[in-house]
Each structure stands twice: as structure tokens, then as C-alpha cells.
C-alpha atoms as a PDB file:
ATOM      1  CA  MET A   1      -6.730   6.350  10.387  1.00  0.00           C
ATOM      2  CA  ASP A   2      -5.251   3.688   8.423  1.00  0.00           C
ATOM      3  CA  ILE A   3      -5.912   3.247   4.469  1.00  0.00           C
ATOM      4  CA  THR A   4      -8.447   0.653   5.075  1.00  0.00           C
ATOM      5  CA  GLU A   5     -10.734   2.414   7.309  1.00  0.00           C
ATOM      6  CA  ARG A   6     -10.468   5.295   5.223  1.00  0.00           C
ATOM      7  CA  LEU A   7     -11.612   3.392   2.283  1.00  0.00           C
ATOM      8  CA  ILE A   8     -14.687   1.851   4.259  1.00  0.00           C
ATOM      9  CA  GLY A   9     -15.627   5.306   4.933  1.00  0.00           C
ATOM     10  CA  PHE A  10     -15.223   6.594   1.205  1.00  0.00           C
ATOM     11  CA  PHE A  11     -17.270   3.546   0.097  1.00  0.00           C
ATOM     12  CA  LYS A  12     -19.997   3.964   2.444  1.00  0.00           C
ATOM     13  CA  GLU A  13     -20.684   7.322   0.966  1.00  0.00           C
ATOM     14  CA  GLY A  14     -22.850   7.170  -2.163  1.00  0.00           C
ATOM     15  CA  PRO A  15     -24.282   3.899  -3.205  1.00  0.00           C
ATOM     16  CA  GLY A  16     -22.788   2.352  -0.051  1.00  0.00           C
ATOM     17  CA  LYS A  17     -25.130   3.969   2.301  1.00  0.00           C
ATOM     18  CA  GLY A  18     -26.899   1.733   4.471  1.00  0.00           C
ATOM     19  CA  VAL A  19     -24.590  -1.203   3.484  1.00  0.00           C
ATOM     20  CA  LYS A  20     -22.272  -2.901   5.844  1.00  0.00           C
ATOM     21  CA  VAL A  21     -18.829  -2.066   4.167  1.00  0.00           C
ATOM     22  CA  THR A  22     -16.009  -4.359   5.125  1.00  0.00           C
ATOM     23  CA  ALA A  23     -12.435  -4.746   3.731  1.00  0.00           C
ATOM     24  CA  ILE A  24     -13.941  -7.956   1.753  1.00  0.00           C
ATOM     25  CA  THR A  25     -17.252  -6.469   0.721  1.00  0.00           C
ATOM     26  CA  PRO A  26     -17.418  -7.252  -3.123  1.00  0.00           C
ATOM     27  CA  LEU A  27     -17.524  -3.662  -4.518  1.00  0.00           C
ATOM     28  CA  LEU A  28     -18.037  -4.866  -8.228  1.00  0.00           C
ATOM     29  CA  GLU A  29     -20.677  -7.296  -7.445  1.00  0.00           C
ATOM     30  CA  TRP A  30     -22.677  -5.097  -5.084  1.00  0.00           C
ATOM     31  CA  GLY A  31     -22.456  -1.800  -7.310  1.00  0.00           C
ATOM     32  CA  LEU A  32     -20.256   0.284  -4.953  1.00  0.00           C
ATOM     33  CA  LEU A  33     -17.927   0.463  -7.533  1.00  0.00           C
ATOM     34  CA  ASP A  34     -18.884   1.915 -11.137  1.00  0.00           C
ATOM     35  CA  SER A  35     -17.008   3.785 -13.755  1.00  0.00           C
ATOM     36  CA  LEU A  36     -17.669   7.123 -11.832  1.00  0.00           C
ATOM     37  CA  LYS A  37     -16.697   5.926  -8.595  1.00  0.00           C
ATOM     38  CA  VAL A  38     -13.356   4.670  -9.858  1.00  0.00           C
ATOM     39  CA  ILE A  39     -12.614   8.109 -10.969  1.00  0.00           C
ATOM     40  CA  GLU A  40     -13.351   9.374  -7.353  1.00  0.00           C
ATOM     41  CA  LEU A  41     -11.539   6.384  -6.047  1.00  0.00           C
ATOM     42  CA  ALA A  42      -8.576   7.564  -7.959  1.00  0.00           C
ATOM     43  CA  GLU A  43      -8.826  11.067  -6.606  1.00  0.00           C
ATOM     44  CA  PHE A  44      -9.342   9.860  -2.987  1.00  0.00           C
ATOM     45  CA  LEU A  45      -6.262   7.544  -3.411  1.00  0.00           C
ATOM     46  CA  LYS A  46      -4.060  10.381  -4.655  1.00  0.00           C
ATOM     47  CA  LYS A  47      -5.099  12.528  -1.958  1.00  0.00           C
ATOM     48  CA  HIS A  48      -5.239  10.272   1.212  1.00  0.00           C
ATOM     49  CA  ALA A  49      -2.535   7.729   0.367  1.00  0.00           C
ATOM     50  CA  ASN A  50      -0.503   9.617  -1.980  1.00  0.00           C
ATOM     51  CA  PHE A  51      -1.086   6.874  -4.621  1.00  0.00           C
ATOM     52  CA  GLN A  52      -1.695   7.406  -8.334  1.00  0.00           C
ATOM     53  CA  LEU A  53      -3.991   4.448  -9.840  1.00  0.00           C
ATOM     54  CA  GLN A  54      -2.710   3.856 -13.175  1.00  0.00           C
ATOM     55  CA  PRO A  55      -4.578   2.670 -16.322  1.00  0.00           C
ATOM     56  CA  LYS A  56      -2.851  -0.846 -15.964  1.00  0.00           C
ATOM     57  CA  ASP A  57      -4.510  -0.924 -12.257  1.00  0.00           C
ATOM     58  CA  LEU A  58      -8.257  -0.729 -13.680  1.00  0.00           C
ATOM     59  CA  ARG A  59      -8.579  -4.345 -13.736  1.00  0.00           C
ATOM     60  CA  LYS A  60     -11.674  -6.338 -11.898  1.00  0.00           C
ATOM     61  CA  ALA A  61      -8.996  -8.112 -10.200  1.00  0.00           C
ATOM     62  CA  ASN A  62      -7.310  -5.198  -8.569  1.00  0.00           C
ATOM     63  CA  LEU A  63     -10.520  -3.438  -7.620  1.00  0.00           C
ATOM     64  CA  LYS A  64     -12.740  -6.310  -6.434  1.00  0.00           C
ATOM     65  CA  ASP A  65     -12.701  -5.435  -2.766  1.00  0.00           C
ATOM     66  CA  ILE A  66     -10.950  -2.900  -0.267  1.00  0.00           C
ATOM     67  CA  ARG A  67      -8.432  -5.573   0.867  1.00  0.00           C
ATOM     68  CA  THR A  68      -7.562  -6.171  -2.760  1.00  0.00           C
ATOM     69  CA  ILE A  69      -7.061  -2.132  -3.232  1.00  0.00           C
ATOM     70  CA  VAL A  70      -4.759  -1.701  -0.123  1.00  0.00           C
ATOM     71  CA  ARG A  71      -2.806  -4.719  -1.305  1.00  0.00           C
ATOM     72  CA  LEU A  72      -2.223  -2.932  -4.747  1.00  0.00           C
ATOM     73  CA  VAL A  73      -1.134   0.465  -2.916  1.00  0.00           C
ATOM     74  CA  GLY A  74       1.182  -1.637  -0.727  1.00  0.00           C
ATOM     75  CA  SER A  75       2.829  -3.793  -3.490  1.00  0.00           C
ATOM     76  CA  ARG A  76       3.678  -0.536  -5.484  1.00  0.00           C
ATOM     77  CA  ARG A  77       5.209   0.974  -2.456  1.00  0.00           C
ATOM     78  CA  ARG A  78       7.384  -1.878  -1.678  1.00  0.00           C
ATOM     79  CA  ALA A  79       8.358  -1.943  -5.387  1.00  0.00           C
ATOM     80  CA  GLY A  80       9.038   1.718  -5.357  1.00  0.00           C
ATOM     81  CA  ALA A  81       6.930   2.625  -8.291  1.00  0.00           C
END
């Protein structure tokens, strides 16, 4: 299972139950990502993607949907950070 599929599963839990979550679902607009869920997302990414979410990453532009989060992880990996 790739990180996109894992993140879709992650967001289907909790407030996303019953919502058709895709890679382009607007997480903030639909209330699927709030301050508590950001903390859970950081732990999830650390565990499942070996990725440490940094304070500078916590911007709406980086967290608007799953596709954007996956791009953030990928770009950081390519940069070697």
C-alpha cells in the first residue's frame, strides 16, 4: 500500500467516516483536518512514511489535500532533508 492509500485510510477514520475521501478531497474545507488531526497526521507520517512534519510545513498550502501532503513528503525526500 502506498502513502496515498494509507493517508486516504487515515482520513476516513474519525470525522471522515462516511465521506468519500480521495487524494484531492479538500481536507481543511471539509473539516477533516483540524489542529488535533494535524498532530495525529504528524505521528502517522513519522510511523508510516518515515517523515518528520516540521513547523514550517504547517501551512494551509501544504495541507490542503492528500495529494499536496504526498508531494511535500516526496519533495523533502528528493531534497535529502
